[in-house]
Amino acid sequence: MTNNIRVERAIKNITQGELAELVGVSRQTINTIESNRYVPSTVLALKIARVFEKPVEAIFTLEETD
């Protein structure tokens, strides 16, 4: 699964730390998600999408190998 969290953060002008605080995780967790090293839980993915006011499918994309 890939994501465009970095782009969405830039649009909203928020840091990884600010996003982490808004969704209740550490900055390191946001970093690993952005780097595609960690797939978030459904709940966390929904919280992230809510921050960006977009559907979860606009933030996260399934790949053929998923």
N, C-alpha and C. Protein backbone atom coordinates (compact mmCIF):
# COMPACT_ATOMS: atom_id res chain seq x y z
N MET A 1 0.85 -1.17 0.00
CA MET A 1 0.00 0.00 0.00
C MET A 1 0.90 1.23 0.00
N THR A 2 0.55 2.18 -0.81
CA THR A 2 1.26 3.45 -0.85
C THR A 2 0.35 4.54 -0.29
N ASN A 3 0.95 5.71 -0.06
CA ASN A 3 0.15 6.81 0.47
C ASN A 3 0.71 8.13 -0.02
N ASN A 4 -0.08 9.16 0.14
CA ASN A 4 0.37 10.51 -0.22
C ASN A 4 0.25 11.45 0.98
N ILE A 5 0.58 10.92 2.16
CA ILE A 5 0.50 11.72 3.37
C ILE A 5 1.42 12.93 3.31
N ARG A 6 2.63 12.75 2.80
CA ARG A 6 3.58 13.86 2.72
C ARG A 6 2.99 15.01 1.90
N VAL A 7 2.37 14.69 0.79
CA VAL A 7 1.74 15.72 -0.07
C VAL A 7 0.59 16.40 0.67
N GLU A 8 -0.24 15.59 1.31
CA GLU A 8 -1.39 16.15 2.03
C GLU A 8 -0.94 17.02 3.20
N ARG A 9 0.14 16.63 3.87
CA ARG A 9 0.66 17.46 4.96
C ARG A 9 1.15 18.80 4.42
N ALA A 10 1.81 18.78 3.26
CA ALA A 10 2.30 20.01 2.66
C ALA A 10 1.14 20.94 2.29
N ILE A 11 0.07 20.36 1.76
CA ILE A 11 -1.10 21.17 1.40
C ILE A 11 -1.69 21.84 2.63
N LYS A 12 -1.78 21.09 3.74
CA LYS A 12 -2.34 21.62 4.99
C LYS A 12 -1.29 22.37 5.81
N ASN A 13 -0.03 22.31 5.38
CA ASN A 13 1.06 22.98 6.07
C ASN A 13 1.18 22.52 7.52
N ILE A 14 1.21 21.19 7.72
CA ILE A 14 1.41 20.64 9.06
C ILE A 14 2.60 19.69 9.06
N THR A 15 3.25 19.60 10.20
CA THR A 15 4.43 18.73 10.34
C THR A 15 3.99 17.31 10.67
N GLN A 16 4.96 16.40 10.60
CA GLN A 16 4.69 15.03 11.03
C GLN A 16 4.25 15.02 12.49
N GLY A 17 4.91 15.81 13.32
CA GLY A 17 4.57 15.88 14.73
C GLY A 17 3.16 16.38 14.98
N GLU A 18 2.75 17.39 14.22
CA GLU A 18 1.40 17.92 14.37
C GLU A 18 0.36 16.89 13.94
N LEU A 19 0.61 16.20 12.83
CA LEU A 19 -0.31 15.16 12.39
C LEU A 19 -0.37 14.04 13.42
N ALA A 20 0.77 13.66 13.94
CA ALA A 20 0.82 12.61 14.95
C ALA A 20 -0.03 12.98 16.17
N GLU A 21 0.10 14.20 16.61
CA GLU A 21 -0.69 14.66 17.76
C GLU A 21 -2.18 14.63 17.46
N LEU A 22 -2.55 15.03 16.26
CA LEU A 22 -3.97 15.04 15.88
C LEU A 22 -4.59 13.66 15.85
N VAL A 23 -3.79 12.64 15.51
CA VAL A 23 -4.34 11.28 15.40
C VAL A 23 -3.94 10.38 16.56
N GLY A 24 -3.14 10.89 17.49
CA GLY A 24 -2.82 10.14 18.70
C GLY A 24 -1.74 9.09 18.57
N VAL A 25 -0.73 9.36 17.74
CA VAL A 25 0.40 8.45 17.62
C VAL A 25 1.69 9.27 17.72
N SER A 26 2.83 8.59 17.63
CA SER A 26 4.12 9.30 17.68
C SER A 26 4.49 9.83 16.29
N ARG A 27 5.41 10.80 16.28
CA ARG A 27 5.91 11.33 15.02
C ARG A 27 6.61 10.22 14.24
N GLN A 28 7.27 9.32 14.95
CA GLN A 28 7.97 8.21 14.30
C GLN A 28 6.99 7.30 13.56
N THR A 29 5.80 7.11 14.12
CA THR A 29 4.79 6.29 13.45
C THR A 29 4.38 6.93 12.14
N ILE A 30 4.15 8.23 12.16
CA ILE A 30 3.79 8.94 10.92
C ILE A 30 4.93 8.80 9.91
N ASN A 31 6.16 8.93 10.37
CA ASN A 31 7.31 8.81 9.48
C ASN A 31 7.37 7.44 8.82
N THR A 32 7.14 6.38 9.60
CA THR A 32 7.21 5.03 9.02
C THR A 32 6.05 4.77 8.07
N ILE A 33 4.90 5.36 8.33
CA ILE A 33 3.77 5.22 7.40
C ILE A 33 4.09 5.95 6.10
N GLU A 34 4.57 7.20 6.21
CA GLU A 34 4.93 7.98 5.02
C GLU A 34 5.97 7.27 4.17
N SER A 35 6.89 6.59 4.83
CA SER A 35 7.98 5.89 4.14
C SER A 35 7.57 4.53 3.61
N ASN A 36 6.30 4.19 3.76
CA ASN A 36 5.76 2.90 3.32
C ASN A 36 6.44 1.71 3.98
N ARG A 37 6.91 1.90 5.22
CA ARG A 37 7.50 0.81 5.97
C ARG A 37 6.51 0.21 6.96
N TYR A 38 5.36 0.87 7.12
CA TYR A 38 4.35 0.41 8.07
C TYR A 38 2.98 0.70 7.49
N VAL A 39 2.09 -0.28 7.56
CA VAL A 39 0.72 -0.11 7.10
C VAL A 39 -0.14 0.18 8.34
N PRO A 40 -0.82 1.32 8.36
CA PRO A 40 -1.59 1.67 9.54
C PRO A 40 -2.83 0.79 9.70
N SER A 41 -3.31 0.74 10.93
CA SER A 41 -4.58 0.05 11.18
C SER A 41 -5.69 0.79 10.46
N THR A 42 -6.81 0.14 10.33
CA THR A 42 -7.98 0.77 9.70
C THR A 42 -8.37 2.02 10.46
N VAL A 43 -8.39 1.93 11.78
CA VAL A 43 -8.77 3.08 12.61
C VAL A 43 -7.82 4.25 12.38
N LEU A 44 -6.52 3.98 12.38
CA LEU A 44 -5.54 5.04 12.18
C LEU A 44 -5.66 5.63 10.77
N ALA A 45 -5.85 4.80 9.77
CA ALA A 45 -6.03 5.29 8.40
C ALA A 45 -7.25 6.21 8.31
N LEU A 46 -8.32 5.84 8.98
CA LEU A 46 -9.52 6.67 8.98
C LEU A 46 -9.28 7.99 9.70
N LYS A 47 -8.54 7.96 10.80
CA LYS A 47 -8.23 9.20 11.52
C LYS A 47 -7.39 10.13 10.66
N ILE A 48 -6.41 9.57 9.97
CA ILE A 48 -5.55 10.38 9.09
C ILE A 48 -6.39 11.00 7.98
N ALA A 49 -7.24 10.20 7.35
CA ALA A 49 -8.11 10.71 6.28
C ALA A 49 -9.02 11.82 6.80
N ARG A 50 -9.51 11.68 8.01
CA ARG A 50 -10.39 12.70 8.60
C ARG A 50 -9.65 14.02 8.77
N VAL A 51 -8.38 13.96 9.20
CA VAL A 51 -7.58 15.19 9.35
C VAL A 51 -7.49 15.92 8.02
N PHE A 52 -7.30 15.17 6.94
CA PHE A 52 -7.15 15.78 5.62
C PHE A 52 -8.49 16.03 4.93
N GLU A 53 -9.58 15.64 5.59
CA GLU A 53 -10.94 15.85 5.08
C GLU A 53 -11.12 15.23 3.69
N LYS A 54 -10.60 14.01 3.56
CA LYS A 54 -10.69 13.27 2.30
C LYS A 54 -11.04 11.82 2.60
N PRO A 55 -11.60 11.11 1.63
CA PRO A 55 -11.85 9.68 1.85
C PRO A 55 -10.52 8.93 1.98
N VAL A 56 -10.54 7.85 2.70
CA VAL A 56 -9.32 7.09 2.95
C VAL A 56 -8.67 6.65 1.64
N GLU A 57 -9.47 6.38 0.62
CA GLU A 57 -8.93 5.96 -0.69
C GLU A 57 -8.16 7.08 -1.38
N ALA A 58 -8.39 8.33 -0.98
CA ALA A 58 -7.65 9.46 -1.55
C ALA A 58 -6.28 9.59 -0.91
N ILE A 59 -6.08 8.97 0.24
CA ILE A 59 -4.81 9.05 0.97
C ILE A 59 -3.99 7.77 0.76
N PHE A 60 -4.64 6.62 0.81
CA PHE A 60 -3.97 5.32 0.71
C PHE A 60 -4.40 4.60 -0.55
N THR A 61 -3.44 3.97 -1.23
CA THR A 61 -3.70 3.25 -2.46
C THR A 61 -3.18 1.82 -2.36
N LEU A 62 -4.04 0.86 -2.65
CA LEU A 62 -3.59 -0.53 -2.68
C LEU A 62 -2.76 -0.76 -3.94
N GLU A 63 -1.73 -1.57 -3.79
CA GLU A 63 -0.90 -1.94 -4.93
C GLU A 63 -1.30 -3.33 -5.39
N GLU A 64 -0.88 -3.72 -6.56
CA GLU A 64 -1.20 -5.04 -7.11
C GLU A 64 -0.72 -6.16 -6.18
N THR A 65 0.38 -5.95 -5.49
CA THR A 65 0.96 -6.98 -4.64
C THR A 65 0.32 -7.08 -3.26
N ASP A 66 -0.57 -6.17 -2.91
CA ASP A 66 -1.21 -6.16 -1.59
C ASP A 66 -2.29 -7.22 -1.48
